[in-house]
Amino acid sequence: MTISWIQASILGIFASLSSMPGMAGSTIGNYTLGRPLVGGLVCGLVLGDLKTGIAAGVAMQLVYIALVTPGGTVSADLRAVSYIGIPLAMVAIHSQGLAATSTNAADLAKSMGTLVGTVGTVGTVLFYGTATMNLVWQHIGWRAVEKGDFKKLYAVDWGYPWISHFIFSFIPTLLMTHFGSSAVTALKTALPMDGIPMKTLFTVGALLPCVGIAILLKQIVDSPLDFIPFFVGFTFAASLHLNLVSVTVVSLIFAMIFYKLDMAISTNRQAVPSGTTSTIDDDEEDEDI
């Protein structure tokens, strides 16, 4: 599998669009196009292998499922993960002759995505490079404001930043996906499937989703009881062999039950006149509901 200049150019355009956090609010840009789940679909369509693209995107999404950038601090850049990591992972999967939905293919995809997206690698270099160059346009905008040339702000807001995205998104994606595909294919002979390097990649890739799940738990778990609904899904998947769609449907049922209970409790408390205390204990109130 190879990536042509035209395909690499299209991937570069999507990488540029996904590097914009607030494009059309949060409908387009980093919060949608930049997610590996969506990037896998785009890469699959561009490279002509939808199944492998989606499978690689789903595998990488687990690692970055709870990624946030508080205060501009970034531990990984999803633009590189989605539009450099996923295409190269697809090439690697094809070159190794792996099935798109196999465990080894998913582990290899996660390793490839992490290599280009995490701290100290391509992803963060592109992120901070774009942010640093955008500071130049901000200084131009402040000078325009001081001079009263407010029309120039249109160019500062809508025109000049495209230069940053072209330099730090389009060009790196274009070059790395086109030339990188040849390098990844060449690794087939240098790194055989039964060798230690490939086995190491598979092992590391299998462990990476733990990082994403741990970050997600850190954000949503406030008490030990919050672990119970979380582990219910794993129990269903392990004991009943349910797929993600089935587990999602079951989780929606539990979500609706919790929502109805919370609304009923809230309505009951609001019905108590102000200045009086309810004689019903909270535990008894929950039991009545």
C-alpha atoms as a PDB file:
ATOM      1  CA  MET A   1       0.000   0.000   0.000  1.00  0.00           C
ATOM      2  CA  THR A   2       1.367   3.407  -1.005  1.00  0.00           C
ATOM      3  CA  ILE A   3       0.184   6.976  -0.513  1.00  0.00           C
ATOM      4  CA  SER A   4       0.257   9.202  -3.602  1.00  0.00           C
ATOM      5  CA  TRP A   5       0.952  12.936  -3.641  1.00  0.00           C
ATOM      6  CA  ILE A   6      -2.745  13.650  -4.222  1.00  0.00           C
ATOM      7  CA  GLN A   7      -3.820  11.482  -1.291  1.00  0.00           C
ATOM      8  CA  ALA A   8      -1.120  13.025   0.909  1.00  0.00           C
ATOM      9  CA  SER A   9      -2.299  16.513  -0.100  1.00  0.00           C
ATOM     10  CA  ILE A  10      -5.896  15.715   0.873  1.00  0.00           C
ATOM     11  CA  LEU A  11      -4.702  14.381   4.211  1.00  0.00           C
ATOM     12  CA  GLY A  12      -2.684  17.586   4.663  1.00  0.00           C
ATOM     13  CA  ILE A  13      -5.812  19.695   4.088  1.00  0.00           C
ATOM     14  CA  PHE A  14      -7.740  17.747   6.716  1.00  0.00           C
ATOM     15  CA  ALA A  15      -4.793  18.052   9.113  1.00  0.00           C
ATOM     16  CA  SER A  16      -4.903  21.828   8.639  1.00  0.00           C
ATOM     17  CA  LEU A  17      -8.642  21.957   9.289  1.00  0.00           C
ATOM     18  CA  SER A  18      -8.339  19.757  12.377  1.00  0.00           C
ATOM     19  CA  SER A  19      -5.658  22.026  13.854  1.00  0.00           C
ATOM     20  CA  MET A  20      -8.259  24.788  14.313  1.00  0.00           C
ATOM     21  CA  PRO A  21      -9.917  24.346  17.733  1.00  0.00           C
ATOM     22  CA  GLY A  22     -12.925  26.615  17.171  1.00  0.00           C
ATOM     23  CA  MET A  23     -13.776  26.223  13.502  1.00  0.00           C
ATOM     24  CA  ALA A  24     -17.573  26.631  13.200  1.00  0.00           C
ATOM     25  CA  GLY A  25     -17.818  26.606  16.962  1.00  0.00           C
ATOM     26  CA  SER A  26     -16.918  23.061  17.885  1.00  0.00           C
ATOM     27  CA  THR A  27     -18.722  21.433  14.940  1.00  0.00           C
ATOM     28  CA  ILE A  28     -15.618  21.294  12.741  1.00  0.00           C
ATOM     29  CA  GLY A  29     -11.956  21.381  13.607  1.00  0.00           C
ATOM     30  CA  ASN A  30      -9.989  19.795  16.407  1.00  0.00           C
ATOM     31  CA  TYR A  31     -13.014  18.630  18.374  1.00  0.00           C
ATOM     32  CA  THR A  32     -14.482  16.734  15.414  1.00  0.00           C
ATOM     33  CA  LEU A  33     -12.159  16.270  12.445  1.00  0.00           C
ATOM     34  CA  GLY A  34      -9.176  15.957  14.753  1.00  0.00           C
ATOM     35  CA  ARG A  35     -10.556  12.995  16.688  1.00  0.00           C
ATOM     36  CA  PRO A  36      -9.059   9.627  15.611  1.00  0.00           C
ATOM     37  CA  LEU A  37     -12.553   8.152  15.384  1.00  0.00           C
ATOM     38  CA  VAL A  38     -13.428  10.665  12.638  1.00  0.00           C
ATOM     39  CA  GLY A  39      -9.904  10.769  11.215  1.00  0.00           C
ATOM     40  CA  GLY A  40     -10.006   7.015  10.649  1.00  0.00           C
ATOM     41  CA  LEU A  41     -13.130   7.416   8.520  1.00  0.00           C
ATOM     42  CA  VAL A  42     -11.539  10.229   6.492  1.00  0.00           C
ATOM     43  CA  CYS A  43      -8.271   8.335   6.016  1.00  0.00           C
ATOM     44  CA  GLY A  44     -10.176   5.219   4.993  1.00  0.00           C
ATOM     45  CA  LEU A  45     -12.089   7.151   2.345  1.00  0.00           C
ATOM     46  CA  VAL A  46      -8.976   8.921   1.039  1.00  0.00           C
ATOM     47  CA  LEU A  47      -6.789   5.797   0.904  1.00  0.00           C
ATOM     48  CA  GLY A  48      -9.532   3.530  -0.394  1.00  0.00           C
ATOM     49  CA  ASP A  49      -9.670   1.122   2.551  1.00  0.00           C
ATOM     50  CA  LEU A  50     -12.565   2.164   4.759  1.00  0.00           C
ATOM     51  CA  LYS A  51     -12.481  -0.927   6.978  1.00  0.00           C
ATOM     52  CA  THR A  52      -8.820  -0.600   7.948  1.00  0.00           C
ATOM     53  CA  GLY A  53      -9.124   3.167   8.409  1.00  0.00           C
ATOM     54  CA  ILE A  54     -12.055   2.899  10.813  1.00  0.00           C
ATOM     55  CA  ALA A  55     -10.441   0.007  12.709  1.00  0.00           C
ATOM     56  CA  ALA A  56      -7.211   1.984  13.171  1.00  0.00           C
ATOM     57  CA  GLY A  57      -9.150   5.091  14.202  1.00  0.00           C
ATOM     58  CA  VAL A  58     -11.182   3.211  16.808  1.00  0.00           C
ATOM     59  CA  ALA A  59      -8.019   1.652  18.255  1.00  0.00           C
ATOM     60  CA  MET A  60      -6.295   5.046  18.564  1.00  0.00           C
ATOM     61  CA  GLN A  61      -9.400   6.741  19.997  1.00  0.00           C
ATOM     62  CA  LEU A  62      -9.183   4.514  23.077  1.00  0.00           C
ATOM     63  CA  VAL A  63      -5.758   5.922  23.899  1.00  0.00           C
ATOM     64  CA  TYR A  64      -6.837   9.572  23.541  1.00  0.00           C
ATOM     65  CA  ILE A  65     -10.462   9.224  24.675  1.00  0.00           C
ATOM     66  CA  ALA A  66     -10.060  11.740  27.511  1.00  0.00           C
ATOM     67  CA  LEU A  67      -7.426  14.046  26.030  1.00  0.00           C
ATOM     68  CA  VAL A  68      -7.843  17.709  26.996  1.00  0.00           C
ATOM     69  CA  THR A  69      -5.586  20.747  26.563  1.00  0.00           C
ATOM     70  CA  PRO A  70      -5.993  22.845  29.733  1.00  0.00           C
ATOM     71  CA  GLY A  71      -4.457  26.295  29.446  1.00  0.00           C
ATOM     72  CA  GLY A  72      -2.829  25.476  26.132  1.00  0.00           C
ATOM     73  CA  THR A  73      -0.866  22.597  27.658  1.00  0.00           C
ATOM     74  CA  VAL A  74      -0.872  19.646  25.291  1.00  0.00           C
ATOM     75  CA  SER A  75       0.415  16.125  25.908  1.00  0.00           C
ATOM     76  CA  ALA A  76      -0.452  14.892  22.428  1.00  0.00           C
ATOM     77  CA  ASP A  77      -1.582  16.466  19.174  1.00  0.00           C
ATOM     78  CA  LEU A  78      -4.464  14.595  17.577  1.00  0.00           C
ATOM     79  CA  ARG A  79      -3.856  16.262  14.223  1.00  0.00           C
ATOM     80  CA  ALA A  80      -0.677  14.186  13.903  1.00  0.00           C
ATOM     81  CA  VAL A  81      -2.310  11.093  15.386  1.00  0.00           C
ATOM     82  CA  SER A  82      -5.280  11.181  13.011  1.00  0.00           C
ATOM     83  CA  TYR A  83      -3.719  12.264   9.726  1.00  0.00           C
ATOM     84  CA  ILE A  84      -0.137  11.025  10.036  1.00  0.00           C
ATOM     85  CA  GLY A  85      -0.419   8.145  12.492  1.00  0.00           C
ATOM     86  CA  ILE A  86      -3.525   6.498  11.023  1.00  0.00           C
ATOM     87  CA  PRO A  87      -2.323   6.523   7.359  1.00  0.00           C
ATOM     88  CA  LEU A  88       1.071   5.127   8.360  1.00  0.00           C
ATOM     89  CA  ALA A  89      -0.627   2.552  10.577  1.00  0.00           C
ATOM     90  CA  MET A  90      -2.792   1.486   7.639  1.00  0.00           C
ATOM     91  CA  VAL A  91       0.335   1.053   5.502  1.00  0.00           C
ATOM     92  CA  ALA A  92       2.005  -0.952   8.277  1.00  0.00           C
ATOM     93  CA  ILE A  93      -1.039  -3.189   8.689  1.00  0.00           C
ATOM     94  CA  HIS A  94      -1.121  -3.900   4.966  1.00  0.00           C
ATOM     95  CA  SER A  95       2.624  -4.465   4.726  1.00  0.00           C
ATOM     96  CA  GLN A  96       2.532  -6.972   7.594  1.00  0.00           C
ATOM     97  CA  GLY A  97      -0.445  -8.754   6.063  1.00  0.00           C
ATOM     98  CA  LEU A  98      -2.620  -8.319   9.158  1.00  0.00           C
ATOM     99  CA  ALA A  99      -6.414  -8.451   9.146  1.00  0.00           C
ATOM    100  CA  ALA A 100      -7.916  -5.008   9.762  1.00  0.00           C
ATOM    101  CA  THR A 101      -9.988  -6.184  12.729  1.00  0.00           C
ATOM    102  CA  SER A 102      -7.323  -8.384  14.329  1.00  0.00           C
ATOM    103  CA  THR A 103      -5.836  -7.700  17.756  1.00  0.00           C
ATOM    104  CA  ASN A 104      -2.325  -7.324  16.336  1.00  0.00           C
ATOM    105  CA  ALA A 105      -3.540  -4.743  13.822  1.00  0.00           C
ATOM    106  CA  ALA A 106      -5.159  -2.692  16.607  1.00  0.00           C
ATOM    107  CA  ASP A 107      -2.040  -2.893  18.787  1.00  0.00           C
ATOM    108  CA  LEU A 108       0.179  -1.864  15.867  1.00  0.00           C
ATOM    109  CA  ALA A 109      -2.111   1.076  15.058  1.00  0.00           C
ATOM    110  CA  LYS A 110      -2.038   2.308  18.665  1.00  0.00           C
ATOM    111  CA  SER A 111       1.751   2.139  18.729  1.00  0.00           C
ATOM    112  CA  MET A 112       2.079   4.032  15.439  1.00  0.00           C
ATOM    113  CA  GLY A 113      -0.314   6.740  16.576  1.00  0.00           C
ATOM    114  CA  THR A 114       1.508   7.229  19.859  1.00  0.00           C
ATOM    115  CA  LEU A 115       4.885   7.434  18.126  1.00  0.00           C
ATOM    116  CA  VAL A 116       3.870  10.483  16.074  1.00  0.00           C
ATOM    117  CA  GLY A 117       1.478  12.194  18.471  1.00  0.00           C
ATOM    118  CA  THR A 118       2.843  12.181  21.989  1.00  0.00           C
ATOM    119  CA  VAL A 119       5.200  14.356  23.990  1.00  0.00           C
ATOM    120  CA  GLY A 120       8.558  15.092  22.398  1.00  0.00           C
ATOM    121  CA  THR A 121       7.574  13.799  18.966  1.00  0.00           C
ATOM    122  CA  VAL A 122       6.015  15.200  15.817  1.00  0.00           C
ATOM    123  CA  GLY A 123       2.614  16.013  17.310  1.00  0.00           C
ATOM    124  CA  THR A 124       3.653  18.452  20.008  1.00  0.00           C
ATOM    125  CA  VAL A 125       6.249  20.079  17.756  1.00  0.00           C
ATOM    126  CA  LEU A 126       3.509  20.870  15.227  1.00  0.00           C
ATOM    127  CA  PHE A 127       1.131  22.108  17.947  1.00  0.00           C
ATOM    128  CA  TYR A 128       3.555  24.506  19.597  1.00  0.00           C
ATOM    129  CA  GLY A 129       4.985  25.560  16.241  1.00  0.00           C
ATOM    130  CA  THR A 130       1.546  26.644  15.075  1.00  0.00           C
ATOM    131  CA  ALA A 131       0.828  28.434  18.364  1.00  0.00           C
ATOM    132  CA  THR A 132       4.184  30.248  18.312  1.00  0.00           C
ATOM    133  CA  MET A 133       3.783  31.451  14.746  1.00  0.00           C
ATOM    134  CA  ASN A 134       0.270  32.676  15.483  1.00  0.00           C
ATOM    135  CA  LEU A 135       1.781  35.057  18.037  1.00  0.00           C
ATOM    136  CA  VAL A 136       3.275  36.984  15.109  1.00  0.00           C
ATOM    137  CA  TRP A 137      -0.191  37.600  13.682  1.00  0.00           C
ATOM    138  CA  GLN A 138      -1.433  38.718  17.099  1.00  0.00           C
ATOM    139  CA  HIS A 139       1.281  41.373  17.296  1.00  0.00           C
ATOM    140  CA  ILE A 140       0.282  42.586  13.828  1.00  0.00           C
ATOM    141  CA  GLY A 141      -3.320  42.768  15.031  1.00  0.00           C
ATOM    142  CA  TRP A 142      -2.398  44.820  18.108  1.00  0.00           C
ATOM    143  CA  ARG A 143      -0.463  47.288  15.966  1.00  0.00           C
ATOM    144  CA  ALA A 144      -3.477  47.592  13.665  1.00  0.00           C
ATOM    145  CA  VAL A 145      -5.722  48.308  16.663  1.00  0.00           C
ATOM    146  CA  GLU A 146      -3.340  50.979  17.967  1.00  0.00           C
ATOM    147  CA  LYS A 147      -3.359  52.657  14.548  1.00  0.00           C
ATOM    148  CA  GLY A 148      -7.128  52.373  14.211  1.00  0.00           C
ATOM    149  CA  ASP A 149      -6.844  50.137  11.152  1.00  0.00           C
ATOM    150  CA  PHE A 150      -9.600  47.771  12.200  1.00  0.00           C
ATOM    151  CA  LYS A 151     -10.162  46.390   8.691  1.00  0.00           C
ATOM    152  CA  LYS A 152      -6.768  44.723   8.905  1.00  0.00           C
ATOM    153  CA  LEU A 153      -8.096  42.532  11.711  1.00  0.00           C
ATOM    154  CA  TYR A 154     -10.004  40.510   9.121  1.00  0.00           C
ATOM    155  CA  ALA A 155      -6.703  39.431   7.586  1.00  0.00           C
ATOM    156  CA  VAL A 156      -5.223  38.803  11.028  1.00  0.00           C
ATOM    157  CA  ASP A 157      -8.151  36.612  12.090  1.00  0.00           C
ATOM    158  CA  TRP A 158      -9.052  34.887   8.832  1.00  0.00           C
ATOM    159  CA  GLY A 159      -6.040  35.080   6.532  1.00  0.00           C
ATOM    160  CA  TYR A 160      -2.647  35.048   8.211  1.00  0.00           C
ATOM    161  CA  PRO A 161      -3.270  31.977  10.447  1.00  0.00           C
ATOM    162  CA  TRP A 162      -3.573  29.862   7.314  1.00  0.00           C
ATOM    163  CA  ILE A 163       0.149  30.449   6.792  1.00  0.00           C
ATOM    164  CA  SER A 164       0.801  28.818  10.175  1.00  0.00           C
ATOM    165  CA  HIS A 165      -1.429  25.872   9.356  1.00  0.00           C
ATOM    166  CA  PHE A 166       0.159  25.474   5.925  1.00  0.00           C
ATOM    167  CA  ILE A 167       3.683  25.378   7.367  1.00  0.00           C
ATOM    168  CA  PHE A 168       3.013  23.271  10.466  1.00  0.00           C
ATOM    169  CA  SER A 169       0.100  21.093   9.326  1.00  0.00           C
ATOM    170  CA  PHE A 170      -0.135  20.739   5.556  1.00  0.00           C
ATOM    171  CA  ILE A 171       3.553  20.428   4.635  1.00  0.00           C
ATOM    172  CA  PRO A 172       4.563  17.975   7.430  1.00  0.00           C
ATOM    173  CA  THR A 173       1.517  15.788   6.768  1.00  0.00           C
ATOM    174  CA  LEU A 174       2.149  15.845   3.018  1.00  0.00           C
ATOM    175  CA  LEU A 175       5.799  14.829   3.328  1.00  0.00           C
ATOM    176  CA  MET A 176       5.471  12.339   6.175  1.00  0.00           C
ATOM    177  CA  THR A 177       2.518  10.426   4.752  1.00  0.00           C
ATOM    178  CA  HIS A 178       3.985  10.233   1.227  1.00  0.00           C
ATOM    179  CA  PHE A 179       7.583   9.365   2.078  1.00  0.00           C
ATOM    180  CA  GLY A 180       6.756   7.691   5.371  1.00  0.00           C
ATOM    181  CA  SER A 181       4.625   5.060   3.666  1.00  0.00           C
ATOM    182  CA  SER A 182       7.681   3.830   1.769  1.00  0.00           C
ATOM    183  CA  ALA A 183       9.714   3.712   4.979  1.00  0.00           C
ATOM    184  CA  VAL A 184       6.993   1.803   6.817  1.00  0.00           C
ATOM    185  CA  THR A 185       6.755  -0.699   3.974  1.00  0.00           C
ATOM    186  CA  ALA A 186      10.545  -1.143   4.038  1.00  0.00           C
ATOM    187  CA  LEU A 187      10.348  -2.023   7.735  1.00  0.00           C
ATOM    188  CA  LYS A 188       8.575  -5.236   6.787  1.00  0.00           C
ATOM    189  CA  THR A 189      11.899  -6.875   5.937  1.00  0.00           C
ATOM    190  CA  ALA A 190      13.837  -5.175   8.740  1.00  0.00           C
ATOM    191  CA  LEU A 191      11.276  -6.010  11.449  1.00  0.00           C
ATOM    192  CA  PRO A 192       9.721  -9.451  10.905  1.00  0.00           C
ATOM    193  CA  MET A 193       6.491 -10.302  12.696  1.00  0.00           C
ATOM    194  CA  ASP A 194       8.130 -12.843  14.987  1.00  0.00           C
ATOM    195  CA  GLY A 195      10.983 -10.519  15.958  1.00  0.00           C
ATOM    196  CA  ILE A 196      11.436  -8.803  19.311  1.00  0.00           C
ATOM    197  CA  PRO A 197      10.833  -5.225  17.985  1.00  0.00           C
ATOM    198  CA  MET A 198       7.428  -6.094  16.521  1.00  0.00           C
ATOM    199  CA  LYS A 199       6.421  -8.087  19.581  1.00  0.00           C
ATOM    200  CA  THR A 200       7.398  -5.082  21.692  1.00  0.00           C
ATOM    201  CA  LEU A 201       5.206  -2.800  19.573  1.00  0.00           C
ATOM    202  CA  PHE A 202       2.268  -5.158  19.941  1.00  0.00           C
ATOM    203  CA  THR A 203       2.755  -5.392  23.714  1.00  0.00           C
ATOM    204  CA  VAL A 204       3.039  -1.633  24.185  1.00  0.00           C
ATOM    205  CA  GLY A 205       0.053  -1.053  21.917  1.00  0.00           C
ATOM    206  CA  ALA A 206      -2.054  -3.454  23.970  1.00  0.00           C
ATOM    207  CA  LEU A 207      -1.277  -1.500  27.155  1.00  0.00           C
ATOM    208  CA  LEU A 208      -1.843   2.004  25.768  1.00  0.00           C
ATOM    209  CA  PRO A 209      -5.669   2.014  26.113  1.00  0.00           C
ATOM    210  CA  CYS A 210      -5.140   1.741  29.890  1.00  0.00           C
ATOM    211  CA  VAL A 211      -3.714   5.268  29.787  1.00  0.00           C
ATOM    212  CA  GLY A 212      -6.794   6.701  28.080  1.00  0.00           C
ATOM    213  CA  ILE A 213      -9.207   4.835  30.351  1.00  0.00           C
ATOM    214  CA  ALA A 214      -7.260   5.941  33.445  1.00  0.00           C
ATOM    215  CA  ILE A 215      -7.418   9.597  32.383  1.00  0.00           C
ATOM    216  CA  LEU A 216     -11.148   9.251  31.726  1.00  0.00           C
ATOM    217  CA  LEU A 217     -11.731   7.692  35.149  1.00  0.00           C
ATOM    218  CA  LYS A 218      -9.780  10.477  36.806  1.00  0.00           C
ATOM    219  CA  GLN A 219     -12.227  12.989  35.339  1.00  0.00           C
ATOM    220  CA  ILE A 220     -15.537  11.232  36.006  1.00  0.00           C
ATOM    221  CA  VAL A 221     -14.990   9.266  39.235  1.00  0.00           C
ATOM    222  CA  ASP A 222     -15.685  11.255  42.422  1.00  0.00           C
ATOM    223  CA  SER A 223     -16.294   8.396  44.850  1.00  0.00           C
ATOM    224  CA  PRO A 224     -15.659   4.640  44.989  1.00  0.00           C
ATOM    225  CA  LEU A 225     -19.326   4.009  44.151  1.00  0.00           C
ATOM    226  CA  ASP A 226     -18.775   5.592  40.718  1.00  0.00           C
ATOM    227  CA  PHE A 227     -16.651   2.604  39.775  1.00  0.00           C
ATOM    228  CA  ILE A 228     -19.657   0.283  39.923  1.00  0.00           C
ATOM    229  CA  PRO A 229     -21.453   1.461  36.736  1.00  0.00           C
ATOM    230  CA  PHE A 230     -18.092   1.664  35.010  1.00  0.00           C
ATOM    231  CA  PHE A 231     -17.222  -1.969  35.712  1.00  0.00           C
ATOM    232  CA  VAL A 232     -20.697  -3.172  34.749  1.00  0.00           C
ATOM    233  CA  GLY A 233     -19.829  -2.636  31.092  1.00  0.00           C
ATOM    234  CA  PHE A 234     -16.656  -4.685  31.389  1.00  0.00           C
ATOM    235  CA  THR A 235     -18.600  -7.423  33.183  1.00  0.00           C
ATOM    236  CA  PHE A 236     -21.171  -7.587  30.383  1.00  0.00           C
ATOM    237  CA  ALA A 237     -18.468  -7.658  27.727  1.00  0.00           C
ATOM    238  CA  ALA A 238     -16.450 -10.366  29.495  1.00  0.00           C
ATOM    239  CA  SER A 239     -19.220 -12.667  30.725  1.00  0.00           C
ATOM    240  CA  LEU A 240     -21.953 -12.173  28.102  1.00  0.00           C
ATOM    241  CA  HIS A 241     -19.590 -11.397  25.201  1.00  0.00           C
ATOM    242  CA  LEU A 242     -21.588  -8.328  24.234  1.00  0.00           C
ATOM    243  CA  ASN A 243     -20.132  -5.961  21.648  1.00  0.00           C
ATOM    244  CA  LEU A 244     -19.750  -2.217  22.131  1.00  0.00           C
ATOM    245  CA  VAL A 245     -23.126  -1.429  20.548  1.00  0.00           C
ATOM    246  CA  SER A 246     -24.965  -3.770  22.932  1.00  0.00           C
ATOM    247  CA  VAL A 247     -23.104  -2.442  25.980  1.00  0.00           C
ATOM    248  CA  THR A 248     -23.891   1.125  24.865  1.00  0.00           C
ATOM    249  CA  VAL A 249     -27.617   0.327  24.679  1.00  0.00           C
ATOM    250  CA  VAL A 250     -27.530  -1.183  28.171  1.00  0.00           C
ATOM    251  CA  SER A 251     -25.667   1.870  29.479  1.00  0.00           C
ATOM    252  CA  LEU A 252     -28.335   4.145  27.984  1.00  0.00           C
ATOM    253  CA  ILE A 253     -30.975   2.224  29.914  1.00  0.00           C
ATOM    254  CA  PHE A 254     -29.081   2.718  33.173  1.00  0.00           C
ATOM    255  CA  ALA A 255     -28.493   6.381  32.322  1.00  0.00           C
ATOM    256  CA  MET A 256     -32.228   6.946  31.846  1.00  0.00           C
ATOM    257  CA  ILE A 257     -32.981   5.207  35.160  1.00  0.00           C
ATOM    258  CA  PHE A 258     -30.476   7.382  37.039  1.00  0.00           C
ATOM    259  CA  TYR A 259     -31.818  10.493  35.280  1.00  0.00           C
ATOM    260  CA  LYS A 260     -35.424   9.707  36.208  1.00  0.00           C
ATOM    261  CA  LEU A 261     -34.431   9.040  39.828  1.00  0.00           C
ATOM    262  CA  ASP A 262     -32.504  12.300  40.087  1.00  0.00           C
ATOM    263  CA  MET A 263     -35.385  14.276  38.558  1.00  0.00           C
ATOM    264  CA  ALA A 264     -37.905  12.649  40.894  1.00  0.00           C
ATOM    265  CA  ILE A 265     -35.749  13.382  43.947  1.00  0.00           C
ATOM    266  CA  SER A 266     -35.234  16.969  42.811  1.00  0.00           C
ATOM    267  CA  THR A 267     -38.972  17.480  42.229  1.00  0.00           C
ATOM    268  CA  ASN A 268     -39.835  16.015  45.617  1.00  0.00           C
ATOM    269  CA  ARG A 269     -37.381  18.303  47.401  1.00  0.00           C
ATOM    270  CA  GLN A 270     -38.681  21.395  45.600  1.00  0.00           C
ATOM    271  CA  ALA A 271     -42.215  20.489  46.659  1.00  0.00           C
ATOM    272  CA  VAL A 272     -41.281  20.922  50.338  1.00  0.00           C
ATOM    273  CA  PRO A 273     -42.242  24.506  51.425  1.00  0.00           C
ATOM    274  CA  SER A 274     -39.340  26.826  52.136  1.00  0.00           C
ATOM    275  CA  GLY A 275     -38.533  27.308  55.799  1.00  0.00           C
ATOM    276  CA  THR A 276     -39.688  23.806  56.725  1.00  0.00           C
ATOM    277  CA  THR A 277     -37.741  20.633  56.977  1.00  0.00           C
ATOM    278  CA  SER A 278     -38.863  17.373  55.538  1.00  0.00           C
ATOM    279  CA  THR A 279     -39.604  14.644  58.059  1.00  0.00           C
ATOM    280  CA  ILE A 280     -38.674  12.014  55.529  1.00  0.00           C
ATOM    281  CA  ASP A 281     -35.134  10.838  55.744  1.00  0.00           C
ATOM    282  CA  ASP A 282     -33.169  10.955  52.498  1.00  0.00           C
ATOM    283  CA  ASP A 283     -32.664   7.191  52.542  1.00  0.00           C
ATOM    284  CA  GLU A 284     -36.398   6.576  53.073  1.00  0.00           C
ATOM    285  CA  GLU A 285     -37.143   9.040  50.296  1.00  0.00           C
ATOM    286  CA  ASP A 286     -34.954   7.123  47.893  1.00  0.00           C
ATOM    287  CA  GLU A 287     -36.621   3.857  48.908  1.00  0.00           C
ATOM    288  CA  ASP A 288     -40.096   5.275  48.254  1.00  0.00           C
ATOM    289  CA  ILE A 289     -39.050   6.259  44.744  1.00  0.00           C
END
